[in-house]
Amino acid sequence: MPDRPEELEQGAPLINDGLGRCLFVGTKDTLICEDGGFNPRLLSGRVPEVKPYLSRISGSVDYSDRPHE
């Protein structure tokens, strides 16, 4: 288990819903998200500028429940 980030608000669980979380510690900020990448956020509260779409891989196989990229 990683050390609890200082930026994580008091009372917020490091492991959420028993399934875990992902913690990415970078040089500029720390990103935390729930299992499966849901609800990602930067612990600083900063909102990054991101593209509103995902790039698709040309020629990828079509999956019935959407492509996994």
PDB file of N, CA and C in Angstrom:
ATOM      1  N   MET A   1       0.857  -1.169   0.000  1.00  0.00           N
ATOM      2  CA  MET A   1       0.000   0.000   0.000  1.00  0.00           C
ATOM      3  C   MET A   1       0.907   1.238   0.000  1.00  0.00           C
ATOM      4  N   PRO A   2       0.610   2.203  -0.867  1.00  0.00           N
ATOM      5  CA  PRO A   2       1.428   3.418  -0.896  1.00  0.00           C
ATOM      6  C   PRO A   2       1.158   4.293   0.319  1.00  0.00           C
ATOM      7  N   ASP A   3       2.078   5.203   0.580  1.00  0.00           N
ATOM      8  CA  ASP A   3       1.847   6.187   1.633  1.00  0.00           C
ATOM      9  C   ASP A   3       0.671   7.066   1.247  1.00  0.00           C
ATOM     10  N   ARG A   4      -0.060   7.525   2.228  1.00  0.00           N
ATOM     11  CA  ARG A   4      -1.204   8.415   1.982  1.00  0.00           C
ATOM     12  C   ARG A   4      -0.690   9.771   1.517  1.00  0.00           C
ATOM     13  N   PRO A   5      -1.124  10.260   0.351  1.00  0.00           N
ATOM     14  CA  PRO A   5      -0.678  11.563  -0.127  1.00  0.00           C
ATOM     15  C   PRO A   5      -1.127  12.677   0.820  1.00  0.00           C
ATOM     16  N   GLU A   6      -0.255  13.622   1.078  1.00  0.00           N
ATOM     17  CA  GLU A   6      -0.593  14.746   1.950  1.00  0.00           C
ATOM     18  C   GLU A   6      -1.761  15.553   1.392  1.00  0.00           C
ATOM     19  N   GLU A   7      -1.895  15.591   0.068  1.00  0.00           N
ATOM     20  CA  GLU A   7      -2.947  16.390  -0.575  1.00  0.00           C
ATOM     21  C   GLU A   7      -4.333  15.754  -0.482  1.00  0.00           C
ATOM     22  N   LEU A   8      -4.413  14.476  -0.161  1.00  0.00           N
ATOM     23  CA  LEU A   8      -5.707  13.797  -0.068  1.00  0.00           C
ATOM     24  C   LEU A   8      -6.439  14.283   1.181  1.00  0.00           C
ATOM     25  N   GLU A   9      -7.648  14.784   0.982  1.00  0.00           N
ATOM     26  CA  GLU A   9      -8.404  15.386   2.081  1.00  0.00           C
ATOM     27  C   GLU A   9      -8.621  14.396   3.223  1.00  0.00           C
ATOM     28  N   GLN A  10      -8.649  14.941   4.418  1.00  0.00           N
ATOM     29  CA  GLN A  10      -8.862  14.123   5.619  1.00  0.00           C
ATOM     30  C   GLN A  10     -10.195  13.393   5.516  1.00  0.00           C
ATOM     31  N   GLY A  11     -10.213  12.145   5.903  1.00  0.00           N
ATOM     32  CA  GLY A  11     -11.441  11.353   5.883  1.00  0.00           C
ATOM     33  C   GLY A  11     -11.687  10.633   4.573  1.00  0.00           C
ATOM     34  N   ALA A  12     -11.014  11.035   3.501  1.00  0.00           N
ATOM     35  CA  ALA A  12     -11.190  10.357   2.220  1.00  0.00           C
ATOM     36  C   ALA A  12     -10.409   9.046   2.253  1.00  0.00           C
ATOM     37  N   PRO A  13     -11.041   7.942   1.890  1.00  0.00           N
ATOM     38  CA  PRO A  13     -10.343   6.660   1.944  1.00  0.00           C
ATOM     39  C   PRO A  13      -9.287   6.539   0.847  1.00  0.00           C
ATOM     40  N   LEU A  14      -8.171   5.909   1.179  1.00  0.00           N
ATOM     41  CA  LEU A  14      -7.153   5.646   0.168  1.00  0.00           C
ATOM     42  C   LEU A  14      -7.616   4.515  -0.744  1.00  0.00           C
ATOM     43  N   ILE A  15      -8.327   3.537  -0.163  1.00  0.00           N
ATOM     44  CA  ILE A  15      -8.940   2.470  -0.954  1.00  0.00           C
ATOM     45  C   ILE A  15     -10.434   2.726  -0.951  1.00  0.00           C
ATOM     46  N   ASN A  16     -11.012   2.887  -2.121  1.00  0.00           N
ATOM     47  CA  ASN A  16     -12.424   3.224  -2.232  1.00  0.00           C
ATOM     48  C   ASN A  16     -13.231   1.987  -2.600  1.00  0.00           C
ATOM     49  N   ASP A  17     -14.341   1.775  -2.033  1.00  0.00           N
ATOM     50  CA  ASP A  17     -15.327   0.715  -2.295  1.00  0.00           C
ATOM     51  C   ASP A  17     -14.751  -0.699  -2.265  1.00  0.00           C
ATOM     52  N   GLY A  18     -13.617  -0.885  -1.619  1.00  0.00           N
ATOM     53  CA  GLY A  18     -13.028  -2.207  -1.505  1.00  0.00           C
ATOM     54  C   GLY A  18     -12.322  -2.699  -2.753  1.00  0.00           C
ATOM     55  N   LEU A  19     -12.440  -1.965  -3.855  1.00  0.00           N
ATOM     56  CA  LEU A  19     -11.811  -2.389  -5.099  1.00  0.00           C
ATOM     57  C   LEU A  19     -10.474  -1.708  -5.345  1.00  0.00           C
ATOM     58  N   GLY A  20     -10.216  -0.643  -4.623  1.00  0.00           N
ATOM     59  CA  GLY A  20      -8.940   0.039  -4.782  1.00  0.00           C
ATOM     60  C   GLY A  20      -9.053   1.344  -5.541  1.00  0.00           C
ATOM     61  N   ARG A  21      -7.933   1.955  -5.702  1.00  0.00           N
ATOM     62  CA  ARG A  21      -7.791   3.187  -6.469  1.00  0.00           C
ATOM     63  C   ARG A  21      -6.461   3.132  -7.189  1.00  0.00           C
ATOM     64  N   CYS A  22      -6.305   3.986  -8.159  1.00  0.00           N
ATOM     65  CA  CYS A  22      -5.028   4.152  -8.848  1.00  0.00           C
ATOM     66  C   CYS A  22      -4.474   5.497  -8.444  1.00  0.00           C
ATOM     67  N   LEU A  23      -3.195   5.527  -8.167  1.00  0.00           N
ATOM     68  CA  LEU A  23      -2.524   6.742  -7.743  1.00  0.00           C
ATOM     69  C   LEU A  23      -1.310   6.927  -8.633  1.00  0.00           C
ATOM     70  N   PHE A  24      -1.268   8.042  -9.346  1.00  0.00           N
ATOM     71  CA  PHE A  24      -0.147   8.367 -10.216  1.00  0.00           C
ATOM     72  C   PHE A  24       0.537   9.596  -9.642  1.00  0.00           C
ATOM     73  N   VAL A  25       1.757   9.425  -9.180  1.00  0.00           N
ATOM     74  CA  VAL A  25       2.498  10.522  -8.568  1.00  0.00           C
ATOM     75  C   VAL A  25       3.500  11.045  -9.587  1.00  0.00           C
ATOM     76  N   GLY A  26       3.321  12.304  -9.979  1.00  0.00           N
ATOM     77  CA  GLY A  26       4.218  12.920 -10.950  1.00  0.00           C
ATOM     78  C   GLY A  26       5.022  14.033 -10.326  1.00  0.00           C
ATOM     79  N   THR A  27       5.800  14.701 -11.135  1.00  0.00           N
ATOM     80  CA  THR A  27       6.614  15.799 -10.633  1.00  0.00           C
ATOM     81  C   THR A  27       5.812  17.081 -10.466  1.00  0.00           C
ATOM     82  N   LYS A  28       4.681  17.196 -11.178  1.00  0.00           N
ATOM     83  CA  LYS A  28       3.881  18.418 -11.109  1.00  0.00           C
ATOM     84  C   LYS A  28       2.595  18.259 -10.306  1.00  0.00           C
ATOM     85  N   ASP A  29       2.083  17.045 -10.197  1.00  0.00           N
ATOM     86  CA  ASP A  29       0.804  16.824  -9.527  1.00  0.00           C
ATOM     87  C   ASP A  29       0.625  15.346  -9.252  1.00  0.00           C
ATOM     88  N   THR A  30      -0.450  15.004  -8.558  1.00  0.00           N
ATOM     89  CA  THR A  30      -0.804  13.615  -8.281  1.00  0.00           C
ATOM     90  C   THR A  30      -2.223  13.384  -8.774  1.00  0.00           C
ATOM     91  N   LEU A  31      -2.390  12.335  -9.574  1.00  0.00           N
ATOM     92  CA  LEU A  31      -3.691  11.983 -10.124  1.00  0.00           C
ATOM     93  C   LEU A  31      -4.197  10.771  -9.364  1.00  0.00           C
ATOM     94  N   ILE A  32      -5.459  10.805  -8.990  1.00  0.00           N
ATOM     95  CA  ILE A  32      -6.079   9.666  -8.316  1.00  0.00           C
ATOM     96  C   ILE A  32      -7.374   9.346  -9.061  1.00  0.00           C
ATOM     97  N   CYS A  33      -7.651   8.058  -9.215  1.00  0.00           N
ATOM     98  CA  CYS A  33      -8.903   7.639  -9.845  1.00  0.00           C
ATOM     99  C   CYS A  33      -9.351   6.334  -9.211  1.00  0.00           C
ATOM    100  N   GLU A  34     -10.617   6.049  -9.367  1.00  0.00           N
ATOM    101  CA  GLU A  34     -11.177   4.827  -8.810  1.00  0.00           C
ATOM    102  C   GLU A  34     -10.889   3.651  -9.733  1.00  0.00           C
ATOM    103  N   ASP A  35     -11.213   2.464  -9.288  1.00  0.00           N
ATOM    104  CA  ASP A  35     -11.011   1.256 -10.065  1.00  0.00           C
ATOM    105  C   ASP A  35     -11.610   1.425 -11.449  1.00  0.00           C
ATOM    106  N   GLY A  36     -10.899   1.014 -12.473  1.00  0.00           N
ATOM    107  CA  GLY A  36     -11.371   1.152 -13.842  1.00  0.00           C
ATOM    108  C   GLY A  36     -11.143   2.531 -14.423  1.00  0.00           C
ATOM    109  N   GLY A  37     -10.476   3.407 -13.689  1.00  0.00           N
ATOM    110  CA  GLY A  37     -10.195   4.753 -14.186  1.00  0.00           C
ATOM    111  C   GLY A  37     -11.338   5.731 -14.008  1.00  0.00           C
ATOM    112  N   PHE A  38     -12.360   5.356 -13.246  1.00  0.00           N
ATOM    113  CA  PHE A  38     -13.500   6.245 -13.050  1.00  0.00           C
ATOM    114  C   PHE A  38     -13.161   7.384 -12.091  1.00  0.00           C
ATOM    115  N   ASN A  39     -13.785   8.510 -12.312  1.00  0.00           N
ATOM    116  CA  ASN A  39     -13.663   9.702 -11.471  1.00  0.00           C
ATOM    117  C   ASN A  39     -12.223  10.157 -11.259  1.00  0.00           C
ATOM    118  N   PRO A  40     -11.477  10.364 -12.336  1.00  0.00           N
ATOM    119  CA  PRO A  40     -10.112  10.840 -12.172  1.00  0.00           C
ATOM    120  C   PRO A  40     -10.089  12.299 -11.735  1.00  0.00           C
ATOM    121  N   ARG A  41      -9.106  12.638 -10.898  1.00  0.00           N
ATOM    122  CA  ARG A  41      -8.941  14.036 -10.491  1.00  0.00           C
ATOM    123  C   ARG A  41      -7.524  14.263 -10.012  1.00  0.00           C
ATOM    124  N   LEU A  42      -7.098  15.495 -10.117  1.00  0.00           N
ATOM    125  CA  LEU A  42      -5.791  15.883  -9.606  1.00  0.00           C
ATOM    126  C   LEU A  42      -5.972  16.319  -8.165  1.00  0.00           C
ATOM    127  N   LEU A  43      -5.098  15.858  -7.285  1.00  0.00           N
ATOM    128  CA  LEU A  43      -5.248  16.171  -5.864  1.00  0.00           C
ATOM    129  C   LEU A  43      -5.053  17.652  -5.567  1.00  0.00           C
ATOM    130  N   SER A  44      -4.371  18.376  -6.451  1.00  0.00           N
ATOM    131  CA  SER A  44      -4.189  19.812  -6.249  1.00  0.00           C
ATOM    132  C   SER A  44      -5.486  20.581  -6.486  1.00  0.00           C
ATOM    133  N   GLY A  45      -6.449  19.941  -7.176  1.00  0.00           N
ATOM    134  CA  GLY A  45      -7.686  20.620  -7.535  1.00  0.00           C
ATOM    135  C   GLY A  45      -7.607  21.271  -8.899  1.00  0.00           C
ATOM    136  N   ARG A  46      -6.407  21.289  -9.484  1.00  0.00           N
ATOM    137  CA  ARG A  46      -6.219  21.879 -10.810  1.00  0.00           C
ATOM    138  C   ARG A  46      -7.014  21.085 -11.832  1.00  0.00           C
ATOM    139  N   VAL A  47      -7.587  21.768 -12.811  1.00  0.00           N
ATOM    140  CA  VAL A  47      -8.335  21.119 -13.883  1.00  0.00           C
ATOM    141  C   VAL A  47      -7.488  21.201 -15.147  1.00  0.00           C
ATOM    142  N   PRO A  48      -7.001  20.068 -15.643  1.00  0.00           N
ATOM    143  CA  PRO A  48      -6.141  20.091 -16.826  1.00  0.00           C
ATOM    144  C   PRO A  48      -6.937  20.333 -18.098  1.00  0.00           C
ATOM    145  N   GLU A  49      -6.256  20.837 -19.102  1.00  0.00           N
ATOM    146  CA  GLU A  49      -6.873  20.997 -20.416  1.00  0.00           C
ATOM    147  C   GLU A  49      -6.694  19.682 -21.157  1.00  0.00           C
ATOM    148  N   VAL A  50      -7.801  19.014 -21.449  1.00  0.00           N
ATOM    149  CA  VAL A  50      -7.754  17.736 -22.154  1.00  0.00           C
ATOM    150  C   VAL A  50      -8.682  17.772 -23.347  1.00  0.00           C
ATOM    151  N   LYS A  51      -8.378  16.940 -24.327  1.00  0.00           N
ATOM    152  CA  LYS A  51      -9.233  16.837 -25.507  1.00  0.00           C
ATOM    153  C   LYS A  51     -10.554  16.192 -25.101  1.00  0.00           C
ATOM    154  N   PRO A  52     -11.671  16.633 -25.658  1.00  0.00           N
ATOM    155  CA  PRO A  52     -12.983  16.066 -25.294  1.00  0.00           C
ATOM    156  C   PRO A  52     -13.289  14.744 -25.986  1.00  0.00           C
ATOM    157  N   TYR A  53     -12.311  14.134 -26.612  1.00  0.00           N
ATOM    158  CA  TYR A  53     -12.545  12.879 -27.314  1.00  0.00           C
ATOM    159  C   TYR A  53     -11.320  11.984 -27.170  1.00  0.00           C
ATOM    160  N   LEU A  54     -11.516  10.713 -27.455  1.00  0.00           N
ATOM    161  CA  LEU A  54     -10.422   9.757 -27.461  1.00  0.00           C
ATOM    162  C   LEU A  54      -9.985   9.503 -28.892  1.00  0.00           C
ATOM    163  N   SER A  55      -8.708   9.383 -29.100  1.00  0.00           N
ATOM    164  CA  SER A  55      -8.208   8.999 -30.419  1.00  0.00           C
ATOM    165  C   SER A  55      -8.542   7.533 -30.650  1.00  0.00           C
ATOM    166  N   ARG A  56      -8.937   7.198 -31.821  1.00  0.00           N
ATOM    167  CA  ARG A  56      -9.254   5.812 -32.161  1.00  0.00           C
ATOM    168  C   ARG A  56      -8.111   5.235 -32.980  1.00  0.00           C
ATOM    169  N   ILE A  57      -7.894   3.966 -32.809  1.00  0.00           N
ATOM    170  CA  ILE A  57      -6.858   3.276 -33.556  1.00  0.00           C
ATOM    171  C   ILE A  57      -7.474   2.815 -34.866  1.00  0.00           C
ATOM    172  N   SER A  58      -6.930   3.278 -35.992  1.00  0.00           N
ATOM    173  CA  SER A  58      -7.508   2.903 -37.276  1.00  0.00           C
ATOM    174  C   SER A  58      -7.348   1.407 -37.496  1.00  0.00           C
ATOM    175  N   GLY A  59      -8.404   0.780 -37.996  1.00  0.00           N
ATOM    176  CA  GLY A  59      -8.376  -0.649 -38.264  1.00  0.00           C
ATOM    177  C   GLY A  59      -8.547  -1.522 -37.037  1.00  0.00           C
ATOM    178  N   SER A  60      -8.924  -0.929 -35.897  1.00  0.00           N
ATOM    179  CA  SER A  60      -9.089  -1.731 -34.691  1.00  0.00           C
ATOM    180  C   SER A  60     -10.329  -2.617 -34.812  1.00  0.00           C
ATOM    181  N   VAL A  61     -10.318  -3.716 -34.085  1.00  0.00           N
ATOM    182  CA  VAL A  61     -11.441  -4.650 -34.101  1.00  0.00           C
ATOM    183  C   VAL A  61     -12.591  -4.032 -33.321  1.00  0.00           C
ATOM    184  N   ASP A  62     -13.799  -4.144 -33.857  1.00  0.00           N
ATOM    185  CA  ASP A  62     -14.968  -3.586 -33.188  1.00  0.00           C
ATOM    186  C   ASP A  62     -15.443  -4.561 -32.111  1.00  0.00           C
ATOM    187  N   TYR A  63     -15.581  -4.073 -30.911  1.00  0.00           N
ATOM    188  CA  TYR A  63     -16.085  -4.879 -29.796  1.00  0.00           C
ATOM    189  C   TYR A  63     -17.552  -4.537 -29.574  1.00  0.00           C
ATOM    190  N   SER A  64     -18.345  -5.499 -29.155  1.00  0.00           N
ATOM    191  CA  SER A  64     -19.774  -5.270 -28.962  1.00  0.00           C
ATOM    192  C   SER A  64     -20.052  -4.277 -27.854  1.00  0.00           C
ATOM    193  N   ASP A  65     -19.151  -4.185 -26.869  1.00  0.00           N
ATOM    194  CA  ASP A  65     -19.369  -3.229 -25.778  1.00  0.00           C
ATOM    195  C   ASP A  65     -18.443  -2.017 -25.905  1.00  0.00           C
ATOM    196  N   ARG A  66     -18.090  -1.659 -27.077  1.00  0.00           N
ATOM    197  CA  ARG A  66     -17.231  -0.534 -27.448  1.00  0.00           C
ATOM    198  C   ARG A  66     -15.753  -0.929 -27.416  1.00  0.00           C
ATOM    199  N   PRO A  67     -14.968  -0.270 -28.229  1.00  0.00           N
ATOM    200  CA  PRO A  67     -13.536  -0.600 -28.268  1.00  0.00           C
ATOM    201  C   PRO A  67     -12.839  -0.279 -26.940  1.00  0.00           C
ATOM    202  N   HIS A  68     -11.890  -1.104 -26.576  1.00  0.00           N
ATOM    203  CA  HIS A  68     -11.092  -0.900 -25.374  1.00  0.00           C
ATOM    204  C   HIS A  68      -9.729  -0.378 -25.798  1.00  0.00           C
ATOM    205  N   GLU A  69      -9.511   0.918 -25.608  1.00  0.00           N
ATOM    206  CA  GLU A  69      -8.260   1.536 -26.058  1.00  0.00           C
ATOM    207  C   GLU A  69      -7.644   2.320 -24.932  1.00  0.00           C
TER     208      GLU A  69
END
